[in-house]
C-alpha atoms as a PDB file:
ATOM      1  CA  MET A   1      -4.285  22.520   9.420  1.00  0.00           C
ATOM      2  CA  ASN A   2      -1.457  20.794   9.422  1.00  0.00           C
ATOM      3  CA  LEU A   3      -1.745  18.336   7.534  1.00  0.00           C
ATOM      4  CA  LYS A   4       0.054  16.065   9.892  1.00  0.00           C
ATOM      5  CA  ILE A   5      -2.110  16.878  12.717  1.00  0.00           C
ATOM      6  CA  TRP A   6      -4.801  15.914  10.263  1.00  0.00           C
ATOM      7  CA  TRP A   7      -3.955  12.777   9.145  1.00  0.00           C
ATOM      8  CA  SER A   8      -3.415  11.599  12.975  1.00  0.00           C
ATOM      9  CA  GLU A   9      -7.052  12.688  13.081  1.00  0.00           C
ATOM     10  CA  GLN A  10      -8.974  11.261  10.200  1.00  0.00           C
ATOM     11  CA  LEU A  11      -7.091   7.855  11.433  1.00  0.00           C
ATOM     12  CA  ARG A  12      -8.628   8.219  15.547  1.00  0.00           C
ATOM     13  CA  TRP A  13     -12.076   8.663  14.303  1.00  0.00           C
ATOM     14  CA  SER A  14     -11.629   5.995  11.769  1.00  0.00           C
ATOM     15  CA  TRP A  15     -10.441   3.292  13.945  1.00  0.00           C
ATOM     16  CA  PHE A  16     -12.811   5.050  16.999  1.00  0.00           C
ATOM     17  CA  ARG A  17     -16.292   3.785  14.133  1.00  0.00           C
ATOM     18  CA  GLN A  18     -14.972   0.928  13.410  1.00  0.00           C
ATOM     19  CA  ALA A  19     -13.915   0.270  17.037  1.00  0.00           C
ATOM     20  CA  LYS A  20     -17.999   0.880  17.844  1.00  0.00           C
ATOM     21  CA  SER A  21     -18.391  -1.404  15.799  1.00  0.00           C
ATOM     22  CA  PHE A  22     -16.467  -3.883  16.551  1.00  0.00           C
ATOM     23  CA  ARG A  23     -17.777  -4.507  20.084  1.00  0.00           C
ATOM     24  CA  TRP A  24     -21.220  -5.448  18.355  1.00  0.00           C
ATOM     25  CA  VAL A  25     -19.678  -7.929  16.810  1.00  0.00           C
ATOM     26  CA  GLY A  26     -17.925  -9.427  19.218  1.00  0.00           C
ATOM     27  CA  PHE A  27     -20.990  -9.598  21.496  1.00  0.00           C
ATOM     28  CA  ALA A  28     -21.822 -11.562  18.508  1.00  0.00           C
ATOM     29  CA  ILE A  29     -19.511 -13.890  18.224  1.00  0.00           C
ATOM     30  CA  SER A  30     -18.722 -14.762  21.683  1.00  0.00           C
ATOM     31  CA  MET A  31     -22.471 -15.177  21.944  1.00  0.00           C
ATOM     32  CA  MET A  32     -22.033 -17.607  18.371  1.00  0.00           C
ATOM     33  CA  VAL A  33     -18.810 -19.585  20.631  1.00  0.00           C
ATOM     34  CA  MET A  34     -20.997 -20.263  23.528  1.00  0.00           C
ATOM     35  CA  VAL A  35     -23.754 -21.468  21.282  1.00  0.00           C
ATOM     36  CA  ALA A  36     -21.420 -23.857  19.613  1.00  0.00           C
ATOM     37  CA  ILE A  37     -19.602 -25.146  22.671  1.00  0.00           C
ATOM     38  CA  ALA A  38     -22.732 -25.990  23.719  1.00  0.00           C
ATOM     39  CA  PHE A  39     -23.832 -28.157  21.528  1.00  0.00           C
ATOM     40  CA  PHE A  40     -20.443 -29.391  19.825  1.00  0.00           C
ATOM     41  CA  PRO A  41     -17.106 -30.886  20.559  1.00  0.00           C
ATOM     42  CA  LEU A  42     -14.425 -29.023  19.809  1.00  0.00           C
ATOM     43  CA  LYS A  43     -11.774 -29.514  17.439  1.00  0.00           C
ATOM     44  CA  SER A  44      -8.680 -29.095  16.773  1.00  0.00           C
ATOM     45  CA  HIS A  45      -7.703 -26.595  14.462  1.00  0.00           C
ATOM     46  CA  SER A  46      -4.578 -26.701  11.712  1.00  0.00           C
ATOM     47  CA  MET A  47      -5.172 -22.284  11.023  1.00  0.00           C
ATOM     48  CA  ALA A  48      -3.039 -20.004  13.301  1.00  0.00           C
ATOM     49  CA  PRO A  49      -4.372 -16.842  14.719  1.00  0.00           C
ATOM     50  CA  LEU A  50      -3.800 -14.002  12.764  1.00  0.00           C
ATOM     51  CA  GLN A  51      -1.510 -11.758  14.243  1.00  0.00           C
ATOM     52  CA  TYR A  52      -1.821  -7.857  14.242  1.00  0.00           C
ATOM     53  CA  LYS A  53       1.221  -5.411  14.093  1.00  0.00           C
ATOM     54  CA  ALA A  54      -0.514  -3.440  16.400  1.00  0.00           C
ATOM     55  CA  THR A  55       2.931  -1.711  17.283  1.00  0.00           C
ATOM     56  CA  ILE A  56       5.376  -0.876  14.118  1.00  0.00           C
ATOM     57  CA  VAL A  57       8.308  -3.173  13.289  1.00  0.00           C
ATOM     58  CA  SER A  58      10.577  -4.017  10.806  1.00  0.00           C
ATOM     59  CA  PRO A  59      10.610  -3.799   7.153  1.00  0.00           C
ATOM     60  CA  LEU A  60       8.563  -0.394   7.756  1.00  0.00           C
ATOM     61  CA  THR A  61      10.425   0.985  11.509  1.00  0.00           C
ATOM     62  CA  GLU A  62      11.507   3.979   9.532  1.00  0.00           C
ATOM     63  CA  ALA A  63       8.264   4.806   7.454  1.00  0.00           C
ATOM     64  CA  THR A  64       6.399   6.263  10.235  1.00  0.00           C
ATOM     65  CA  LEU A  65       3.484   9.992   9.681  1.00  0.00           C
ATOM     66  CA  GLN A  66       6.529  12.080   9.552  1.00  0.00           C
ATOM     67  CA  ASP A  67       8.420  10.911   6.710  1.00  0.00           C
ATOM     68  CA  VAL A  68       5.538  10.654   4.314  1.00  0.00           C
ATOM     69  CA  LEU A  69       4.856  14.217   5.196  1.00  0.00           C
ATOM     70  CA  PRO A  70       5.939  17.559   4.812  1.00  0.00           C
ATOM     71  CA  LYS A  71       9.091  16.324   7.409  1.00  0.00           C
ATOM     72  CA  PHE A  72      10.748  15.052   3.930  1.00  0.00           C
ATOM     73  CA  THR A  73      12.030  18.287   3.491  1.00  0.00           C
ATOM     74  CA  ASP A  74      13.853  17.863   6.399  1.00  0.00           C
ATOM     75  CA  LYS A  75      15.693  14.548   5.229  1.00  0.00           C
ATOM     76  CA  ASN A  76      19.698  15.412   5.262  1.00  0.00           C
ATOM     77  CA  THR A  77      18.234  14.399   1.368  1.00  0.00           C
ATOM     78  CA  SER A  78      20.580  15.790  -2.047  1.00  0.00           C
ATOM     79  CA  VAL A  79      17.663  17.064  -4.342  1.00  0.00           C
ATOM     80  CA  ALA A  80      18.799  17.017  -7.906  1.00  0.00           C
ATOM     81  CA  THR A  81      16.517  19.089  -9.203  1.00  0.00           C
ATOM     82  CA  GLY A  82      16.482  21.552  -5.952  1.00  0.00           C
ATOM     83  CA  SER A  83      12.911  21.381  -6.163  1.00  0.00           C
ATOM     84  CA  THR A  84       9.853  19.712  -3.799  1.00  0.00           C
ATOM     85  CA  PRO A  85       6.214  18.540  -4.583  1.00  0.00           C
ATOM     86  CA  VAL A  86       3.493  19.631  -3.238  1.00  0.00           C
ATOM     87  CA  GLU A  87       1.399  17.199  -1.266  1.00  0.00           C
ATOM     88  CA  GLU A  88      -1.745  16.591  -0.965  1.00  0.00           C
ATOM     89  CA  VAL A  89      -3.889  14.447   1.967  1.00  0.00           C
ATOM     90  CA  ALA A  90      -6.853  12.265   0.706  1.00  0.00           C
ATOM     91  CA  PRO A  91      -7.497   9.333   3.157  1.00  0.00           C
ATOM     92  CA  ALA A  92      -8.965   6.295   1.974  1.00  0.00           C
ATOM     93  CA  ASP A  93     -12.061   4.805   2.896  1.00  0.00           C
ATOM     94  CA  PRO A  94     -10.812   2.086   6.440  1.00  0.00           C
ATOM     95  CA  SER A  95     -12.641  -0.661   4.078  1.00  0.00           C
ATOM     96  CA  ASN A  96     -10.252  -0.219   1.509  1.00  0.00           C
ATOM     97  CA  TYR A  97      -6.682  -0.626   3.487  1.00  0.00           C
ATOM     98  CA  GLY A  98      -6.037  -3.017   6.968  1.00  0.00           C
ATOM     99  CA  TYR A  99      -4.120  -3.757   9.392  1.00  0.00           C
ATOM    100  CA  ARG A 100      -0.482  -5.425   8.544  1.00  0.00           C
ATOM    101  CA  TYR A 101      -0.213  -8.634  10.162  1.00  0.00           C
ATOM    102  CA  LEU A 102       3.318 -10.365  12.084  1.00  0.00           C
ATOM    103  CA  THR A 103       1.832 -13.945  11.012  1.00  0.00           C
ATOM    104  CA  ASP A 104       0.856 -15.350   8.406  1.00  0.00           C
ATOM    105  CA  ILE A 105      -3.061 -17.915   8.279  1.00  0.00           C
ATOM    106  CA  ASP A 106      -1.080 -20.747   9.509  1.00  0.00           C
ATOM    107  CA  GLY A 107       0.841 -19.316  11.852  1.00  0.00           C
ATOM    108  CA  ASN A 108       4.327 -18.493  10.911  1.00  0.00           C
ATOM    109  CA  PRO A 109       6.209 -15.237  10.610  1.00  0.00           C
ATOM    110  CA  ALA A 110       5.521 -11.967   8.032  1.00  0.00           C
ATOM    111  CA  ASN A 111       8.634 -10.021   8.728  1.00  0.00           C
ATOM    112  CA  ASN A 112       9.212 -10.090   5.033  1.00  0.00           C
ATOM    113  CA  ALA A 113      11.472  -6.625   3.920  1.00  0.00           C
ATOM    114  CA  MET A 114       9.752  -4.210   2.324  1.00  0.00           C
ATOM    115  CA  ILE A 115       9.593  -3.947  -1.475  1.00  0.00           C
ATOM    116  CA  VAL A 116       6.944  -0.341  -3.137  1.00  0.00           C
ATOM    117  CA  VAL A 117       5.220  -1.832  -6.289  1.00  0.00           C
ATOM    118  CA  LEU A 118       4.498   0.425  -9.035  1.00  0.00           C
ATOM    119  CA  HIS A 119       1.659   1.137 -10.963  1.00  0.00           C
ATOM    120  CA  GLU A 120      -0.534   3.336 -13.370  1.00  0.00           C
ATOM    121  CA  THR A 121      -4.454   4.666 -12.061  1.00  0.00           C
ATOM    122  CA  VAL A 122      -5.819   3.982 -15.880  1.00  0.00           C
ATOM    123  CA  GLY A 123      -8.171   5.566 -15.432  1.00  0.00           C
ATOM    124  CA  SER A 124      -7.915  10.180 -13.787  1.00  0.00           C
ATOM    125  CA  ALA A 125      -6.325  10.506  -9.794  1.00  0.00           C
ATOM    126  CA  ASN A 126     -10.115  11.509  -8.983  1.00  0.00           C
ATOM    127  CA  SER A 127     -11.089   8.930 -10.004  1.00  0.00           C
ATOM    128  CA  ALA A 128      -9.164   6.440  -8.247  1.00  0.00           C
ATOM    129  CA  ILE A 129      -9.710   8.501  -5.197  1.00  0.00           C
ATOM    130  CA  ASN A 130     -12.948   8.708  -5.505  1.00  0.00           C
ATOM    131  CA  THR A 131     -12.796   5.017  -6.047  1.00  0.00           C
ATOM    132  CA  PHE A 132     -10.661   4.701  -2.796  1.00  0.00           C
ATOM    133  CA  GLN A 133     -13.130   6.725  -0.531  1.00  0.00           C
ATOM    134  CA  THR A 134     -15.834   4.538  -1.402  1.00  0.00           C
ATOM    135  CA  PRO A 135     -16.892   2.415   1.507  1.00  0.00           C
ATOM    136  CA  HIS A 136     -16.710  -1.490   0.330  1.00  0.00           C
ATOM    137  CA  THR A 137     -18.157  -4.333   2.043  1.00  0.00           C
ATOM    138  CA  ASP A 138     -17.585  -6.850  -0.736  1.00  0.00           C
ATOM    139  CA  GLU A 139     -13.567  -8.438   0.040  1.00  0.00           C
ATOM    140  CA  ASN A 140     -13.571  -8.279  -3.990  1.00  0.00           C
ATOM    141  CA  SER A 141     -13.684  -5.149  -4.146  1.00  0.00           C
ATOM    142  CA  GLN A 142     -11.570  -3.616  -1.254  1.00  0.00           C
ATOM    143  CA  VAL A 143      -8.094  -1.843  -3.017  1.00  0.00           C
ATOM    144  CA  SER A 144      -6.039   1.084  -2.675  1.00  0.00           C
ATOM    145  CA  TYR A 145      -3.486   2.326  -3.004  1.00  0.00           C
ATOM    146  CA  HIS A 146      -0.801   4.340  -0.282  1.00  0.00           C
ATOM    147  CA  SER A 147      -0.077   7.214  -2.588  1.00  0.00           C
ATOM    148  CA  LEU A 148      -0.311   8.508  -6.170  1.00  0.00           C
ATOM    149  CA  ILE A 149       0.717  10.740  -8.476  1.00  0.00           C
ATOM    150  CA  ARG A 150      -0.985  13.556 -10.382  1.00  0.00           C
ATOM    151  CA  ARG A 151      -0.072  14.220 -14.116  1.00  0.00           C
ATOM    152  CA  ASN A 152       1.855  18.103 -12.109  1.00  0.00           C
ATOM    153  CA  GLY A 153       3.299  15.663 -10.021  1.00  0.00           C
ATOM    154  CA  ASN A 154       1.136  16.471  -7.128  1.00  0.00           C
ATOM    155  CA  ILE A 155       1.789  13.795  -4.604  1.00  0.00           C
ATOM    156  CA  VAL A 156      -1.656  12.443  -3.002  1.00  0.00           C
ATOM    157  CA  HIS A 157      -1.335  10.264   0.169  1.00  0.00           C
ATOM    158  CA  ILE A 158      -3.991   7.963   1.066  1.00  0.00           C
ATOM    159  CA  VAL A 159      -3.402   5.359   2.846  1.00  0.00           C
ATOM    160  CA  HIS A 160      -0.839   5.405   5.909  1.00  0.00           C
ATOM    161  CA  PRO A 161       2.716   3.426   5.046  1.00  0.00           C
ATOM    162  CA  GLN A 162       1.749   1.795   8.462  1.00  0.00           C
ATOM    163  CA  MET A 163      -1.664  -0.413   7.251  1.00  0.00           C
ATOM    164  CA  ARG A 164      -2.055  -2.570   4.866  1.00  0.00           C
ATOM    165  CA  ALA A 165      -3.035  -0.932   1.601  1.00  0.00           C
ATOM    166  CA  PHE A 166      -4.922  -3.323  -0.916  1.00  0.00           C
ATOM    167  CA  GLY A 167      -2.836  -2.811  -4.141  1.00  0.00           C
ATOM    168  CA  ALA A 168      -2.187  -6.334  -4.954  1.00  0.00           C
ATOM    169  CA  GLY A 169      -4.623  -9.387  -5.025  1.00  0.00           C
ATOM    170  CA  ASN A 170      -3.259 -12.909  -5.965  1.00  0.00           C
ATOM    171  CA  SER A 171       0.652 -11.728  -5.955  1.00  0.00           C
ATOM    172  CA  VAL A 172       4.771 -12.923  -5.568  1.00  0.00           C
ATOM    173  CA  PHE A 173       7.409 -10.974  -5.987  1.00  0.00           C
ATOM    174  CA  ASP A 174      10.585 -12.959  -7.046  1.00  0.00           C
ATOM    175  CA  GLY A 175      13.305 -10.981  -5.759  1.00  0.00           C
ATOM    176  CA  PRO A 176      17.547 -11.736  -4.549  1.00  0.00           C
ATOM    177  CA  ASN A 177      16.096 -13.580  -1.605  1.00  0.00           C
ATOM    178  CA  GLY A 178      13.058 -15.841  -3.976  1.00  0.00           C
ATOM    179  CA  PRO A 179       9.418 -15.212  -3.993  1.00  0.00           C
ATOM    180  CA  GLU A 180       8.358 -13.717  -1.399  1.00  0.00           C
ATOM    181  CA  THR A 181       3.992 -13.828  -0.532  1.00  0.00           C
ATOM    182  CA  VAL A 182       2.401 -13.328   2.555  1.00  0.00           C
ATOM    183  CA  ARG A 183      -1.702 -14.966   2.968  1.00  0.00           C
ATOM    184  CA  THR A 184      -3.173 -13.447   5.182  1.00  0.00           C
ATOM    185  CA  HIS A 185      -6.943 -14.820   3.425  1.00  0.00           C
ATOM    186  CA  PRO A 186      -8.180 -18.254   4.701  1.00  0.00           C
ATOM    187  CA  VAL A 187     -10.229 -17.749   0.838  1.00  0.00           C
ATOM    188  CA  PHE A 188      -7.566 -15.583  -0.987  1.00  0.00           C
ATOM    189  CA  PRO A 189      -4.517 -16.491  -1.878  1.00  0.00           C
ATOM    190  CA  GLY A 190      -0.864 -14.534  -0.876  1.00  0.00           C
ATOM    191  CA  SER A 191      -0.465 -11.229  -1.784  1.00  0.00           C
ATOM    192  CA  VAL A 192       2.882  -8.773  -1.180  1.00  0.00           C
ATOM    193  CA  ASN A 193       0.233  -6.402   0.193  1.00  0.00           C
ATOM    194  CA  ASN A 194       1.811  -7.496   3.941  1.00  0.00           C
ATOM    195  CA  PHE A 195       5.170  -6.007   3.226  1.00  0.00           C
ATOM    196  CA  ALA A 196       4.454  -3.656   0.181  1.00  0.00           C
ATOM    197  CA  TYR A 197       4.368   0.025  -0.677  1.00  0.00           C
ATOM    198  CA  HIS A 198       1.832   0.395  -3.630  1.00  0.00           C
ATOM    199  CA  THR A 199       2.507   3.552  -5.536  1.00  0.00           C
ATOM    200  CA  SER A 200       1.348   4.118  -8.330  1.00  0.00           C
ATOM    201  CA  LEU A 201       0.858   7.173 -11.544  1.00  0.00           C
ATOM    202  CA  GLU A 202      -1.903   9.030 -13.263  1.00  0.00           C
ATOM    203  CA  SER A 203      -2.221   7.485 -16.204  1.00  0.00           C
ATOM    204  CA  PRO A 204      -1.500  10.228 -19.208  1.00  0.00           C
ATOM    205  CA  SER A 205      -5.579  10.519 -21.388  1.00  0.00           C
ATOM    206  CA  ASP A 206      -4.788   8.114 -23.910  1.00  0.00           C
ATOM    207  CA  GLY A 207      -3.930   5.403 -21.090  1.00  0.00           C
ATOM    208  CA  ARG A 208      -7.672   4.867 -20.555  1.00  0.00           C
ATOM    209  CA  GLY A 209      -8.423   1.922 -22.309  1.00  0.00           C
ATOM    210  CA  ASN A 210      -6.427  -1.374 -22.089  1.00  0.00           C
ATOM    211  CA  GLN A 211      -3.237  -1.883 -24.574  1.00  0.00           C
ATOM    212  CA  ARG A 212      -0.133  -2.497 -24.081  1.00  0.00           C
ATOM    213  CA  ARG A 213       1.156   1.054 -24.578  1.00  0.00           C
ATOM    214  CA  HIS A 214       0.282   5.166 -23.843  1.00  0.00           C
ATOM    215  CA  SER A 215       2.152   8.132 -24.528  1.00  0.00           C
ATOM    216  CA  GLY A 216       3.721   8.006 -20.954  1.00  0.00           C
ATOM    217  CA  TYR A 217       4.081  10.310 -17.611  1.00  0.00           C
ATOM    218  CA  THR A 218       4.809  13.835 -16.838  1.00  0.00           C
ATOM    219  CA  GLU A 219       8.270  14.530 -16.370  1.00  0.00           C
ATOM    220  CA  ALA A 220       7.266  15.986 -12.862  1.00  0.00           C
ATOM    221  CA  GLN A 221       5.643  12.533 -12.396  1.00  0.00           C
ATOM    222  CA  TYR A 222       9.041  10.814 -12.716  1.00  0.00           C
ATOM    223  CA  GLN A 223      10.731  13.859 -10.811  1.00  0.00           C
ATOM    224  CA  SER A 224       7.737  12.983  -8.044  1.00  0.00           C
ATOM    225  CA  LEU A 225       7.974   9.645  -8.056  1.00  0.00           C
ATOM    226  CA  ALA A 226      12.364   9.436  -7.359  1.00  0.00           C
ATOM    227  CA  TRP A 227      11.886  11.922  -4.488  1.00  0.00           C
ATOM    228  CA  LEU A 228       8.591  10.249  -3.515  1.00  0.00           C
ATOM    229  CA  ILE A 229      11.369   6.285  -3.503  1.00  0.00           C
ATOM    230  CA  ALA A 230      14.033   7.517  -2.277  1.00  0.00           C
ATOM    231  CA  HIS A 231      13.038   8.042   1.284  1.00  0.00           C
ATOM    232  CA  LEU A 232      11.812   4.934   1.572  1.00  0.00           C
ATOM    233  CA  PRO A 233      14.097   1.903   3.167  1.00  0.00           C
ATOM    234  CA  VAL A 234      14.202   0.366   0.302  1.00  0.00           C
ATOM    235  CA  PRO A 235      16.629  -0.156  -1.840  1.00  0.00           C
ATOM    236  CA  ASP A 236      16.020  -0.397  -5.610  1.00  0.00           C
ATOM    237  CA  GLU A 237      15.963  -4.399  -5.999  1.00  0.00           C
ATOM    238  CA  ARG A 238      13.302  -3.994  -4.127  1.00  0.00           C
ATOM    239  CA  ILE A 239      11.829  -1.568  -6.267  1.00  0.00           C
ATOM    240  CA  THR A 240       9.205  -3.142  -8.471  1.00  0.00           C
ATOM    241  CA  THR A 241       5.794  -3.086 -10.910  1.00  0.00           C
ATOM    242  CA  HIS A 242       2.189  -4.279 -10.536  1.00  0.00           C
ATOM    243  CA  GLU A 243       2.958  -7.099 -14.121  1.00  0.00           C
ATOM    244  CA  ALA A 244       5.675  -8.437 -12.643  1.00  0.00           C
ATOM    245  CA  VAL A 245       4.419 -10.043  -8.866  1.00  0.00           C
ATOM    246  CA  ASP A 246       0.403  -9.806 -10.540  1.00  0.00           C
ATOM    247  CA  GLN A 247       0.011 -14.100 -10.762  1.00  0.00           C
ATOM    248  CA  SER A 248      -2.630 -13.596 -12.537  1.00  0.00           C
ATOM    249  CA  GLY A 249      -0.868 -12.872 -16.356  1.00  0.00           C
ATOM    250  CA  SER A 250      -3.743  -9.681 -16.435  1.00  0.00           C
ATOM    251  CA  ARG A 251      -1.989  -6.790 -14.804  1.00  0.00           C
ATOM    252  CA  MET A 252       0.285  -4.508 -17.271  1.00  0.00           C
ATOM    253  CA  ASP A 253       0.896  -1.158 -15.156  1.00  0.00           C
ATOM    254  CA  PRO A 254       2.957   0.880 -15.208  1.00  0.00           C
ATOM    255  CA  ARG A 255       2.305  -0.003 -19.026  1.00  0.00           C
ATOM    256  CA  SER A 256       5.362   2.783 -21.203  1.00  0.00           C
ATOM    257  CA  PHE A 257       7.251   3.223 -17.641  1.00  0.00           C
ATOM    258  CA  ASP A 258      10.772   4.218 -18.289  1.00  0.00           C
ATOM    259  CA  GLY A 259      12.724   2.960 -16.020  1.00  0.00           C
ATOM    260  CA  ARG A 260      16.248   3.070 -17.097  1.00  0.00           C
ATOM    261  CA  LYS A 261      15.011   7.206 -16.918  1.00  0.00           C
ATOM    262  CA  PHE A 262      13.386   6.667 -13.112  1.00  0.00           C
ATOM    263  CA  LEU A 263      16.708   5.459 -11.901  1.00  0.00           C
ATOM    264  CA  ARG A 264      19.104   8.204 -13.020  1.00  0.00           C
ATOM    265  CA  LEU A 265      17.158  10.504 -10.973  1.00  0.00           C
ATOM    266  CA  LEU A 266      16.347   8.528  -8.586  1.00  0.00           C
ATOM    267  CA  HIS A 267      19.924   7.989  -8.014  1.00  0.00           C
ATOM    268  CA  GLY A 268      20.035  11.769  -7.239  1.00  0.00           C
ATOM    269  CA  TYR A 269      19.275  11.119  -4.679  1.00  0.00           C
ATOM    270  CA  ASN A 270      21.724  10.471  -1.370  1.00  0.00           C
ATOM    271  CA  ARG A 271      20.385   7.126  -0.297  1.00  0.00           C
ATOM    272  CA  PRO A 272      22.095   5.230   2.240  1.00  0.00           C
ATOM    273  CA  TYR A 273      20.805   1.336   0.321  1.00  0.00           C
END
């Protein structure tokens, strides 16, 4: 089956299933509101309603389904190596990703330009994919990347780039425009998730612990990462790491990453940024 059609079907049915449950949730909430209005006076609340990005707007105008599947090969892009990575699709469970927002929790516009956040899996690629495809009702356990790159260079698409992957918790991007973060949850702190594209490198076998360094990533992974990032509307200064945006002080990924090598490969592409 064509990957684009397959992806669309996955998204359509996952949203349909969610819509059915949302109708029951909406009915229950409506009844609760009616009871509350009957017994308690209305009070003003400072928290503005969040607005979903129902249709994609800046910063992801160019990051459509066609841009992350084999349509890549139709791009007018000069490829340094002449090779095109193998692509796979392994959709995350809908509980592990969400919509991007137009406004933050206080009603302020959330129109940050896109950033790319680089991660590593620590475990195997298949283990990470299994985690993303497992339903999580606990919000603290919900996690995903938009994509990951196997040791052999295969790119696995997990969450559509129009959606918000849960790749970083308490996080801030300290870029040319100053600190950037968007708070979209009444309990959790701000995060870069609303404007981030999260991609991860599969860690080597000697990187399955919490040591500071390991043997690094394969040539195929660097080639595929550069190829992937070259097709996203993101300039060099908005490419960062999980360690750099993390505010907990507990993240180190991607460890042993050769940034100079990556940029050299990335600059081999004819990018407009």
